[in-house]
Amino acid sequence: MKKKPGYGPNIEQSNFIANGLCLSRLLPAMKKGRCIQRAIAGIVVLLAVSLAAAIGQQPVQAHSDGIGIHGTVFNAFHKCVDGAVVRLDQEGVPGAVETRTNATCAFSFSALQIGSYRLSAEKTGLRSRTASVNASFAGEQKSIDLVLEDMPQDSGIAHPDSSAASSPVTQAMEFADRPNFTVAGVTDWTAVGGHGSDSTLRTSEALTRETLTLKPERPEHSGTEAGGAAEASKSSVRAAAKEHLLAGELDEKKGDPLAAVREFEQAVHLDPSEVNYFEWGSELLLHRAVWQAQQVFQRGAEAYPKSARMLTGLGTALFAGARYDEAAQQICAASDLNPASTEPYIFMGKIEIAAPDPLVCIEPKLARFADQQPGKAQANYLYAMAILKSQEQKADAQAVQHAETLLTRALQIDGKCSEAYLQLGILSASRRDFQKAISFYAKAIEANPQMSEAHYRLGVAYDRTGEHDKARQEFQLHDELKRLESEAIDRQRREVKQFLVVLPGQPADPPVH
């Protein structure tokens, strides 16, 4: 969808214009002495410079559709923060606009145009992670709460957005008494803990949901089996831990994730089994406590190094924190534990597609997947995508041909593999064979009419061949599908509360939600 220009000057620009008009009306009544003339000239120049500066500081254009982004800024204890600087960047537009939270800690941006935005806040010693906001239809109003994080120098924890931040995986978690964090409350979805583009965030959310469905390969318990009274005591403790686990599952279903995560934590302290570690880590990850989920999964992987799903969960948490290489290493290791298991390959294929750069260990693992399961369409497709990802900088004709063969094989196995049709269309378009590309895009849409990217690329191909009416129709379908996708994702995100986490030495003051 093309972006429309804004209408008219903003309030600050209007004030400068009004001042200029008032000055012009006063000029005839003024004396025309040389000093006065010089003063007037200086004022006019000042007004002109100020107007130009005001215009230059407004990269986010106003729009008559009346889209608004507003919300409140809190600290980690859910205390509202006034006077915080809130920054709004629009994707594809240089610069940003800023405002400050008022006495009620609220901020607002109005009269925005349709598009994608990045929102963040900061105050001395505090800053939020960046939230991605998609405004997709006229009149849409977005409510986003930002959480400022205070990372004291003596806490031993660097801010996750800092390039100097050390990996939470390398910071061993002390479980002797309590973990080095406390889940103090919940808040609405703000993208806290999410990094990268909205595409990678969506992939992270999808992988999180899939992580919750992973099953243990076999039951594992902590410690060694013993007989007599010792074993009876252990059985009693495990039974108590099981009750906490069941209570946590019930709390989550009832919509009380704060109670659920505390039950899962208690289950681990009573019985640090593979199941209990995995449930605790998954609950933290589901509610976007990404860095804490990494710590729990890491501790679980140390205790159960042969648990493929624990390594997969750790990889998913690392991916959610934009630690792509580390995520790939963990999931590749999970695939080595049981090379016949499908799940790790699916996870690594998805993170390879979404990551900004090729991930070194993944392509050979997906080659093994395709070799072991040549009759599986997804194995051929994911291996093909890994090959193409490695060819983005400098393409090798033979490697690209190999990927094309794998995509064709995937379609021979499953004629409804819409993603394979889409990629073959992209390859054809790259060779300027637009008629062939049109055929592949059309088949992708036939297999999956909701594939918005296929509609967009089909529109581009039609435009290249001079079929402009068809192109316009496909672009309209693309825009409508993207709008519906964004609405569905926003609804889904609003349904999942995010945890507010308190660091060591900070008092917990949980909010009421």
Protein backbone atom coordinates (compact mmCIF):
# COMPACT_ATOMS: atom_id res chain seq x y z
CA MET A 1 0.00 0.00 0.00
CA LYS A 2 1.44 3.34 -0.99
CA LYS A 3 1.93 5.86 1.78
CA LYS A 4 0.02 9.11 1.46
CA PRO A 5 1.56 12.45 2.36
CA GLY A 6 0.36 14.32 5.41
CA TYR A 7 -1.98 17.28 5.17
CA GLY A 8 -0.91 20.74 6.28
CA PRO A 9 1.61 21.84 8.92
CA ASN A 10 1.65 20.51 12.45
CA ILE A 11 0.77 22.61 15.48
CA GLU A 12 4.28 23.94 16.03
CA GLN A 13 4.63 24.92 12.38
CA SER A 14 1.20 26.62 12.49
CA ASN A 15 2.32 28.74 15.43
CA PHE A 16 5.35 29.97 13.49
CA ILE A 17 3.14 30.82 10.49
CA ALA A 18 0.66 32.67 12.73
CA ASN A 19 3.48 34.67 14.30
CA GLY A 20 4.74 35.59 10.84
CA LEU A 21 1.27 36.81 9.81
CA CYS A 22 0.95 38.94 12.93
CA LEU A 23 4.35 40.47 12.24
CA SER A 24 3.40 41.31 8.66
CA ARG A 25 0.31 43.16 9.89
CA LEU A 26 2.39 45.21 12.33
CA LEU A 27 5.05 46.18 9.81
CA PRO A 28 3.15 49.15 8.25
CA ALA A 29 2.65 50.68 11.70
CA MET A 30 6.33 50.43 12.64
CA LYS A 31 8.84 53.16 12.15
CA LYS A 32 11.24 52.54 9.34
CA GLY A 33 14.41 53.45 11.18
CA ARG A 34 17.55 51.51 10.29
CA CYS A 35 17.77 49.79 13.69
CA ILE A 36 14.14 48.71 13.55
CA GLN A 37 14.64 47.38 10.03
CA ARG A 38 17.61 45.35 11.16
CA ALA A 39 15.63 43.99 14.12
CA ILE A 40 12.73 43.06 11.88
CA ALA A 41 15.08 41.39 9.43
CA GLY A 42 16.58 39.39 12.29
CA ILE A 43 13.15 38.30 13.49
CA VAL A 44 12.11 37.23 9.99
CA VAL A 45 15.30 35.19 9.57
CA LEU A 46 14.74 33.61 12.98
CA LEU A 47 11.18 32.67 12.06
CA ALA A 48 12.31 31.16 8.76
CA VAL A 49 15.05 29.10 10.41
CA SER A 50 12.69 27.95 13.17
CA LEU A 51 10.05 26.93 10.63
CA ALA A 52 12.58 24.97 8.62
CA ALA A 53 13.85 23.26 11.76
CA ALA A 54 10.33 22.38 12.85
CA ILE A 55 9.59 20.85 9.47
CA GLY A 56 12.87 18.93 9.52
CA GLN A 57 12.02 17.44 12.92
CA GLN A 58 8.77 15.91 11.70
CA PRO A 59 9.74 12.73 9.79
CA VAL A 60 6.52 10.92 10.75
CA GLN A 61 3.93 12.48 8.49
CA ALA A 62 0.47 13.49 9.62
CA HIS A 63 -2.42 11.73 7.96
CA SER A 64 -6.13 12.40 7.71
CA ASP A 65 -6.95 8.77 8.62
CA GLY A 66 -6.39 9.68 12.29
CA ILE A 67 -4.24 6.73 13.35
CA GLY A 68 -2.99 7.10 16.92
CA ILE A 69 -0.40 5.42 19.12
CA HIS A 70 -0.70 6.04 22.84
CA GLY A 71 0.07 4.39 26.14
CA THR A 72 1.79 4.65 29.51
CA VAL A 73 5.40 4.24 30.66
CA PHE A 74 6.15 2.13 33.74
CA ASN A 75 9.29 1.00 35.51
CA ALA A 76 10.07 -2.63 36.37
CA PHE A 77 7.92 -2.38 39.52
CA HIS A 78 4.95 -1.11 37.51
CA LYS A 79 5.32 2.37 38.95
CA CYS A 80 4.39 4.90 36.30
CA VAL A 81 7.16 7.23 35.06
CA ASP A 82 6.42 10.84 34.18
CA GLY A 83 8.79 12.98 32.13
CA ALA A 84 10.07 9.99 30.17
CA VAL A 85 11.11 10.69 26.59
CA VAL A 86 9.09 8.54 24.17
CA ARG A 87 10.50 8.13 20.67
CA LEU A 88 8.57 7.05 17.56
CA ASP A 89 10.35 5.98 14.37
CA GLN A 90 8.50 5.15 11.18
CA GLU A 91 9.93 2.37 9.04
CA GLY A 92 11.50 3.75 5.88
CA VAL A 93 11.39 7.36 7.10
CA PRO A 94 14.58 8.97 8.48
CA GLY A 95 14.55 10.61 11.86
CA ALA A 96 11.94 10.33 14.61
CA VAL A 97 9.40 12.27 16.63
CA GLU A 98 9.55 12.53 20.39
CA THR A 99 7.21 13.41 23.20
CA ARG A 100 7.26 13.15 26.99
CA THR A 101 4.96 11.38 29.39
CA ASN A 102 2.71 13.72 31.34
CA ALA A 103 1.89 13.78 35.04
CA THR A 104 -0.21 10.63 34.64
CA CYS A 105 2.72 8.94 32.82
CA ALA A 106 0.79 8.84 29.54
CA PHE A 107 2.01 9.66 26.03
CA SER A 108 0.26 10.02 22.70
CA PHE A 109 1.08 10.34 19.00
CA SER A 110 -1.85 11.21 16.73
CA ALA A 111 -2.71 11.85 13.09
CA LEU A 112 -0.25 9.22 11.87
CA GLN A 113 -0.23 7.48 8.52
CA ILE A 114 -0.59 3.76 7.84
CA GLY A 115 2.74 1.99 8.25
CA SER A 116 5.16 0.23 10.59
CA TYR A 117 6.65 2.01 13.59
CA ARG A 118 9.20 1.41 16.34
CA LEU A 119 8.42 2.80 19.77
CA SER A 120 10.74 3.19 22.75
CA ALA A 121 11.11 5.23 25.92
CA GLU A 122 13.93 6.33 28.18
CA LYS A 123 14.71 8.38 31.23
CA THR A 124 17.97 8.89 33.11
CA GLY A 125 19.25 5.44 33.99
CA LEU A 126 16.18 3.74 32.54
CA ARG A 127 15.14 2.64 29.08
CA SER A 128 12.68 0.28 27.45
CA ARG A 129 13.19 -2.28 24.78
CA THR A 130 11.83 -1.29 21.38
CA ALA A 131 8.25 -2.23 20.51
CA SER A 132 7.21 -2.83 16.90
CA VAL A 133 3.83 -1.33 16.04
CA ASN A 134 1.93 -1.93 12.79
CA ALA A 135 -0.81 0.56 11.92
CA SER A 136 -2.72 -1.07 9.09
CA PHE A 137 -6.07 0.68 8.65
CA ALA A 138 -7.64 4.13 8.87
CA GLY A 139 -8.62 5.32 12.33
CA GLU A 140 -6.78 2.53 14.11
CA GLN A 141 -5.79 3.32 17.71
CA LYS A 142 -2.86 1.43 19.24
CA SER A 143 -2.39 1.18 23.00
CA ILE A 144 1.17 0.26 23.99
CA ASP A 145 2.63 0.28 27.48
CA LEU A 146 6.43 0.54 27.73
CA VAL A 147 8.43 -0.83 30.65
CA LEU A 148 11.66 0.94 31.61
CA GLU A 149 14.43 -1.28 32.89
CA ASP A 150 17.03 -0.24 35.42
CA MET A 151 20.28 -2.19 35.12
CA PRO A 152 22.49 -1.10 38.07
CA GLN A 153 26.22 -1.49 37.56
CA ASP A 154 26.62 -3.77 40.55
CA SER A 155 23.82 -6.14 39.51
CA GLY A 156 26.08 -8.19 37.27
CA ILE A 157 23.51 -8.06 34.49
CA ALA A 158 24.09 -5.89 31.44
CA HIS A 159 21.23 -4.38 29.50
CA PRO A 160 20.13 -6.90 26.82
CA ASP A 161 20.17 -4.26 24.11
CA SER A 162 23.80 -3.36 24.79
CA SER A 163 26.40 -4.64 22.38
CA ALA A 164 28.59 -5.38 25.38
CA ALA A 165 25.92 -7.53 27.06
CA SER A 166 27.11 -10.97 28.02
CA SER A 167 24.96 -13.96 27.21
CA PRO A 168 22.58 -15.01 29.98
CA VAL A 169 23.61 -18.56 29.08
CA THR A 170 27.13 -17.84 30.37
CA GLN A 171 25.77 -16.52 33.65
CA ALA A 172 25.11 -19.65 35.70
CA MET A 173 21.86 -19.54 37.58
CA GLU A 174 22.02 -20.17 41.30
CA PHE A 175 19.25 -22.54 42.30
CA ALA A 176 20.42 -23.38 45.82
CA ASP A 177 17.66 -21.22 47.29
CA ARG A 178 16.01 -18.99 44.70
CA PRO A 179 16.74 -17.90 41.11
CA ASN A 180 18.29 -14.49 40.50
CA PHE A 181 15.01 -12.98 39.31
CA THR A 182 11.44 -12.63 40.53
CA VAL A 183 8.32 -12.49 38.39
CA ALA A 184 6.54 -9.59 40.05
CA GLY A 185 3.50 -9.10 37.85
CA VAL A 186 2.03 -9.02 34.37
CA THR A 187 1.33 -6.35 31.79
CA ASP A 188 -0.18 -6.13 28.33
CA TRP A 189 1.87 -7.05 25.26
CA THR A 190 4.63 -4.51 24.61
CA ALA A 191 7.24 -6.54 22.66
CA VAL A 192 9.47 -6.46 25.75
CA GLY A 193 12.04 -9.19 25.25
CA GLY A 194 11.48 -9.16 21.50
CA HIS A 195 14.23 -8.08 19.14
CA GLY A 196 14.71 -7.72 15.42
CA SER A 197 12.06 -7.13 12.78
CA ASP A 198 8.39 -7.92 13.13
CA SER A 199 9.02 -10.93 10.88
CA THR A 200 11.53 -12.43 13.32
CA LEU A 201 9.22 -11.59 16.22
CA ARG A 202 6.39 -13.48 14.54
CA THR A 203 8.70 -16.44 13.97
CA SER A 204 9.73 -16.31 17.63
CA GLU A 205 6.11 -16.33 18.75
CA ALA A 206 5.28 -19.25 16.46
CA LEU A 207 8.28 -21.26 17.71
CA THR A 208 7.27 -20.52 21.30
CA ARG A 209 3.83 -22.01 20.67
CA GLU A 210 5.44 -25.06 19.08
CA THR A 211 7.86 -25.41 22.01
CA LEU A 212 4.89 -25.85 24.35
CA THR A 213 3.83 -28.96 22.41
CA LEU A 214 7.20 -30.76 22.61
CA LYS A 215 7.00 -34.04 24.50
CA PRO A 216 9.73 -35.74 26.56
CA GLU A 217 11.29 -38.78 24.92
CA ARG A 218 11.28 -40.69 28.18
CA PRO A 219 10.57 -39.84 31.83
CA GLU A 220 13.63 -38.64 33.73
CA HIS A 221 14.12 -37.99 37.43
CA SER A 222 16.81 -36.17 39.34
CA GLY A 223 19.28 -38.24 41.31
CA THR A 224 19.67 -42.00 41.48
CA GLU A 225 17.09 -44.48 42.57
CA ALA A 226 17.32 -45.77 46.15
CA GLY A 227 15.31 -48.20 48.16
CA GLY A 228 13.44 -48.20 51.45
CA ALA A 229 12.65 -45.05 53.36
CA ALA A 230 14.85 -42.85 51.14
CA GLU A 231 12.89 -43.80 48.04
CA ALA A 232 9.60 -43.35 49.84
CA SER A 233 10.65 -39.85 50.85
CA LYS A 234 11.64 -39.02 47.26
CA SER A 235 8.32 -40.34 45.99
CA SER A 236 6.49 -38.10 48.45
CA VAL A 237 8.43 -35.04 47.30
CA ARG A 238 7.79 -35.87 43.64
CA ALA A 239 4.11 -36.26 44.37
CA ALA A 240 4.05 -32.80 45.97
CA ALA A 241 5.93 -31.35 42.99
CA LYS A 242 3.41 -33.01 40.66
CA GLU A 243 0.59 -31.23 42.49
CA HIS A 244 2.33 -27.88 41.95
CA LEU A 245 2.81 -28.74 38.27
CA LEU A 246 -0.88 -29.61 37.84
CA ALA A 247 -1.88 -26.47 39.74
CA GLY A 248 0.30 -24.38 37.43
CA GLU A 249 -1.27 -25.90 34.34
CA LEU A 250 -4.72 -25.17 35.74
CA ASP A 251 -3.79 -21.57 36.61
CA GLU A 252 -2.53 -20.99 33.07
CA LYS A 253 -5.78 -22.33 31.61
CA LYS A 254 -7.76 -20.06 33.96
CA GLY A 255 -5.82 -17.04 32.71
CA ASP A 256 -3.65 -16.50 35.80
CA PRO A 257 -0.08 -16.84 34.47
CA LEU A 258 1.44 -15.15 37.53
CA ALA A 259 0.11 -17.91 39.81
CA ALA A 260 1.08 -20.52 37.20
CA VAL A 261 4.74 -19.50 36.96
CA ARG A 262 5.08 -19.55 40.74
CA GLU A 263 3.66 -23.07 40.87
CA PHE A 264 6.10 -24.23 38.17
CA GLU A 265 9.00 -22.65 40.03
CA GLN A 266 7.98 -24.39 43.24
CA ALA A 267 7.74 -27.70 41.39
CA VAL A 268 11.38 -27.33 40.28
CA HIS A 269 12.58 -26.55 43.79
CA LEU A 270 10.85 -29.66 45.11
CA ASP A 271 11.81 -31.93 42.24
CA PRO A 272 14.25 -30.57 39.61
CA SER A 273 13.10 -33.07 36.99
CA GLU A 274 13.31 -32.61 33.23
CA VAL A 275 9.56 -32.15 33.04
CA ASN A 276 9.47 -29.48 35.74
CA TYR A 277 12.38 -27.50 34.30
CA PHE A 278 10.81 -27.60 30.86
CA GLU A 279 7.39 -26.43 32.08
CA TRP A 280 8.90 -23.53 34.05
CA GLY A 281 11.08 -22.40 31.15
CA SER A 282 8.17 -22.71 28.70
CA GLU A 283 5.89 -20.61 30.92
CA LEU A 284 8.49 -17.84 31.14
CA LEU A 285 9.03 -17.94 27.38
CA LEU A 286 5.30 -17.91 26.60
CA HIS A 287 4.90 -14.68 28.56
CA ARG A 288 8.00 -13.06 27.02
CA ALA A 289 10.34 -13.26 30.01
CA VAL A 290 12.92 -14.17 27.40
CA TRP A 291 16.13 -13.70 29.35
CA GLN A 292 14.82 -15.60 32.36
CA ALA A 293 13.57 -18.43 30.16
CA GLN A 294 17.08 -18.73 28.74
CA GLN A 295 18.47 -19.18 32.25
CA VAL A 296 15.95 -21.84 33.24
CA PHE A 297 16.37 -23.81 30.00
CA GLN A 298 20.15 -23.55 30.33
CA ARG A 299 20.04 -24.95 33.87
CA GLY A 300 17.68 -27.68 32.68
CA ALA A 301 20.02 -28.55 29.78
CA GLU A 302 22.94 -28.82 32.20
CA ALA A 303 20.96 -31.19 34.40
CA TYR A 304 19.57 -33.17 31.44
CA PRO A 305 22.11 -32.91 28.60
CA LYS A 306 20.38 -35.68 26.61
CA SER A 307 17.03 -33.89 26.52
CA ALA A 308 16.51 -32.76 22.92
CA ARG A 309 13.44 -30.73 23.79
CA MET A 310 15.33 -28.86 26.54
CA LEU A 311 17.99 -27.83 24.01
CA THR A 312 15.26 -26.91 21.53
CA GLY A 313 13.52 -24.78 24.15
CA LEU A 314 16.83 -23.10 24.96
CA GLY A 315 17.40 -22.43 21.27
CA THR A 316 13.93 -20.90 20.96
CA ALA A 317 14.57 -18.61 23.95
CA LEU A 318 17.94 -17.54 22.51
CA PHE A 319 16.32 -16.80 19.16
CA ALA A 320 13.70 -14.66 20.94
CA GLY A 321 16.60 -12.63 22.37
CA ALA A 322 18.17 -12.18 18.91
CA ARG A 323 21.08 -14.50 19.78
CA TYR A 324 20.73 -16.27 16.46
CA ASP A 325 24.06 -18.09 16.27
CA GLU A 326 23.73 -19.44 19.81
CA ALA A 327 20.14 -20.49 19.10
CA ALA A 328 21.26 -22.42 16.02
CA GLN A 329 24.02 -24.19 17.96
CA GLN A 330 21.60 -25.42 20.61
CA ILE A 331 19.01 -26.68 18.13
CA CYS A 332 21.66 -28.30 15.95
CA ALA A 333 22.89 -30.09 19.10
CA ALA A 334 19.30 -31.20 19.78
CA SER A 335 19.12 -32.76 16.30
CA ASP A 336 22.34 -34.68 16.99
CA LEU A 337 20.83 -36.30 20.09
CA ASN A 338 18.19 -38.02 17.98
CA PRO A 339 18.84 -37.52 14.25
CA ALA A 340 15.61 -39.32 13.35
CA SER A 341 13.45 -36.82 15.26
CA THR A 342 11.74 -34.25 13.03
CA GLU A 343 11.11 -31.37 15.47
CA PRO A 344 14.64 -29.90 15.77
CA TYR A 345 14.97 -29.74 11.97
CA ILE A 346 11.67 -27.88 11.67
CA PHE A 347 12.78 -25.38 14.31
CA MET A 348 16.20 -24.81 12.76
CA GLY A 349 14.70 -24.43 9.29
CA LYS A 350 12.37 -21.70 10.50
CA ILE A 351 15.05 -19.76 12.35
CA GLU A 352 17.35 -20.01 9.32
CA ILE A 353 14.66 -18.43 7.12
CA ALA A 354 13.92 -15.66 9.64
CA ALA A 355 17.47 -14.84 10.79
CA PRO A 356 19.18 -11.88 9.10
CA ASP A 357 22.23 -13.96 8.06
CA PRO A 358 22.97 -17.64 7.31
CA LEU A 359 23.58 -19.73 10.43
CA VAL A 360 26.66 -21.90 10.01
CA CYS A 361 25.61 -25.24 11.51
CA ILE A 362 22.14 -25.43 10.00
CA GLU A 363 22.67 -26.20 6.31
CA PRO A 364 24.57 -29.50 6.89
CA LYS A 365 21.96 -30.60 9.46
CA LEU A 366 19.14 -29.93 7.01
CA ALA A 367 21.10 -31.80 4.36
CA ARG A 368 21.07 -34.77 6.73
CA PHE A 369 17.33 -34.30 7.25
CA ALA A 370 16.66 -34.38 3.50
CA ASP A 371 18.97 -37.38 3.07
CA GLN A 372 17.27 -39.33 5.88
CA GLN A 373 13.73 -38.43 4.85
CA PRO A 374 13.81 -37.87 1.08
CA GLY A 375 10.08 -38.59 0.85
CA LYS A 376 9.18 -35.73 3.19
CA ALA A 377 8.25 -32.51 1.38
CA GLN A 378 9.23 -30.30 4.32
CA ALA A 379 12.72 -31.84 4.50
CA ASN A 380 13.39 -30.99 0.86
CA TYR A 381 11.88 -27.51 1.17
CA LEU A 382 13.83 -26.50 4.29
CA TYR A 383 17.12 -27.78 2.88
CA ALA A 384 16.46 -25.82 -0.31
CA MET A 385 15.80 -22.65 1.70
CA ALA A 386 19.04 -23.08 3.66
CA ILE A 387 20.98 -23.39 0.39
CA LEU A 388 19.33 -20.27 -1.03
CA LYS A 389 20.03 -18.36 2.19
CA SER A 390 23.75 -19.15 1.84
CA GLN A 391 23.67 -17.84 -1.75
CA GLU A 392 22.25 -14.40 -0.97
CA GLN A 393 25.58 -12.57 -1.09
CA LYS A 394 27.21 -14.39 -3.99
CA ALA A 395 25.12 -16.94 -5.86
CA ASP A 396 26.62 -20.13 -7.26
CA ALA A 397 24.64 -21.42 -10.23
CA GLN A 398 25.13 -25.07 -9.29
CA ALA A 399 23.97 -24.52 -5.70
CA VAL A 400 20.90 -22.59 -6.86
CA GLN A 401 20.08 -25.38 -9.30
CA HIS A 402 20.35 -27.91 -6.47
CA ALA A 403 17.89 -25.84 -4.41
CA GLU A 404 15.52 -25.66 -7.38
CA THR A 405 15.65 -29.45 -7.72
CA LEU A 406 14.80 -29.85 -4.04
CA LEU A 407 11.85 -27.46 -4.33
CA THR A 408 10.55 -29.37 -7.36
CA ARG A 409 10.91 -32.63 -5.44
CA ALA A 410 8.95 -31.17 -2.53
CA LEU A 411 6.09 -30.36 -4.90
CA GLN A 412 6.18 -33.85 -6.40
CA ILE A 413 5.70 -35.20 -2.87
CA ASP A 414 3.11 -32.61 -1.82
CA GLY A 415 1.36 -30.64 -4.53
CA LYS A 416 -0.07 -28.30 -1.86
CA CYS A 417 3.33 -27.06 -0.67
CA SER A 418 2.58 -23.40 -1.37
CA GLU A 419 5.95 -22.20 -0.01
CA ALA A 420 7.81 -24.25 -2.62
CA TYR A 421 5.69 -22.76 -5.43
CA LEU A 422 6.41 -19.29 -4.08
CA GLN A 423 10.19 -19.84 -4.04
CA LEU A 424 10.21 -21.28 -7.56
CA GLY A 425 8.30 -18.18 -8.65
CA ILE A 426 10.89 -15.94 -6.98
CA LEU A 427 13.71 -17.80 -8.74
CA SER A 428 11.93 -17.46 -12.10
CA ALA A 429 11.37 -13.74 -11.55
CA SER A 430 15.06 -13.28 -10.69
CA ARG A 431 15.81 -14.59 -14.19
CA ARG A 432 13.19 -12.20 -15.61
CA ASP A 433 11.05 -15.13 -16.73
CA PHE A 434 7.88 -13.43 -15.52
CA GLN A 435 5.44 -15.71 -17.34
CA LYS A 436 6.88 -18.72 -15.55
CA ALA A 437 6.89 -16.78 -12.29
CA ILE A 438 3.20 -15.92 -12.78
CA SER A 439 2.42 -19.61 -13.18
CA PHE A 440 4.21 -20.55 -9.95
CA TYR A 441 2.67 -17.66 -7.96
CA ALA A 442 -0.81 -18.62 -9.19
CA LYS A 443 -0.23 -22.22 -8.04
CA ALA A 444 0.97 -20.99 -4.65
CA ILE A 445 -2.25 -18.99 -4.27
CA GLU A 446 -4.32 -21.97 -5.39
CA ALA A 447 -2.65 -24.07 -2.67
CA ASN A 448 -2.99 -21.30 -0.06
CA PRO A 449 -5.30 -18.38 -1.01
CA GLN A 450 -4.31 -16.54 2.20
CA MET A 451 -0.61 -16.27 1.24
CA SER A 452 -0.29 -12.49 1.05
CA GLU A 453 3.28 -12.52 -0.26
CA ALA A 454 2.27 -14.64 -3.25
CA HIS A 455 -0.44 -12.08 -4.15
CA TYR A 456 2.06 -9.24 -3.90
CA ARG A 457 4.69 -10.97 -6.03
CA LEU A 458 2.06 -11.99 -8.57
CA GLY A 459 1.03 -8.35 -8.79
CA VAL A 460 4.65 -7.34 -9.43
CA ALA A 461 4.97 -9.99 -12.17
CA TYR A 462 1.75 -8.82 -13.83
CA ASP A 463 3.01 -5.24 -13.69
CA ARG A 464 6.25 -6.29 -15.40
CA THR A 465 4.31 -7.93 -18.22
CA GLY A 466 2.03 -4.93 -18.74
CA GLU A 467 -1.10 -6.50 -17.22
CA HIS A 468 -1.76 -3.55 -14.97
CA ASP A 469 -5.42 -4.25 -14.11
CA LYS A 470 -4.49 -7.73 -12.87
CA ALA A 471 -1.56 -6.26 -10.97
CA ARG A 472 -3.82 -3.74 -9.25
CA GLN A 473 -6.23 -6.50 -8.23
CA GLU A 474 -3.44 -8.59 -6.70
CA PHE A 475 -2.05 -5.60 -4.80
CA GLN A 476 -5.50 -4.93 -3.37
CA LEU A 477 -5.83 -8.56 -2.27
CA HIS A 478 -2.37 -8.37 -0.70
CA ASP A 479 -3.24 -5.23 1.26
CA GLU A 480 -6.48 -6.75 2.54
CA LEU A 481 -4.79 -9.99 3.60
CA LYS A 482 -2.01 -8.09 5.37
CA ARG A 483 -4.61 -6.05 7.23
CA LEU A 484 -6.41 -9.20 8.36
CA GLU A 485 -3.09 -10.81 9.35
CA SER A 486 -2.11 -7.79 11.44
CA GLU A 487 -5.48 -7.71 13.18
CA ALA A 488 -5.27 -11.44 13.98
CA ILE A 489 -1.74 -11.09 15.35
CA ASP A 490 -2.70 -8.08 17.46
CA ARG A 491 -5.64 -10.01 18.93
CA GLN A 492 -3.41 -12.98 19.66
CA ARG A 493 -0.80 -10.81 21.34
CA ARG A 494 -3.35 -9.03 23.50
CA GLU A 495 -4.49 -12.42 24.82
CA VAL A 496 -1.00 -13.23 26.17
CA LYS A 497 0.10 -11.19 29.17
CA GLN A 498 3.78 -10.41 29.62
CA PHE A 499 5.69 -10.95 32.84
CA LEU A 500 7.30 -8.07 34.68
CA VAL A 501 10.59 -9.29 36.15
CA VAL A 502 12.41 -7.85 39.17
CA LEU A 503 16.19 -8.17 39.42
CA PRO A 504 18.23 -8.91 42.57
CA GLY A 505 18.11 -6.24 45.26
CA GLN A 506 15.00 -4.61 43.85
CA PRO A 507 11.72 -4.65 45.84
CA ALA A 508 8.83 -6.41 44.17
CA ASP A 509 5.75 -4.27 43.77
CA PRO A 510 3.45 -6.31 41.54
CA PRO A 511 0.73 -4.50 39.60
CA VAL A 512 -2.91 -5.43 39.74
CA HIS A 513 -4.30 -6.65 36.40
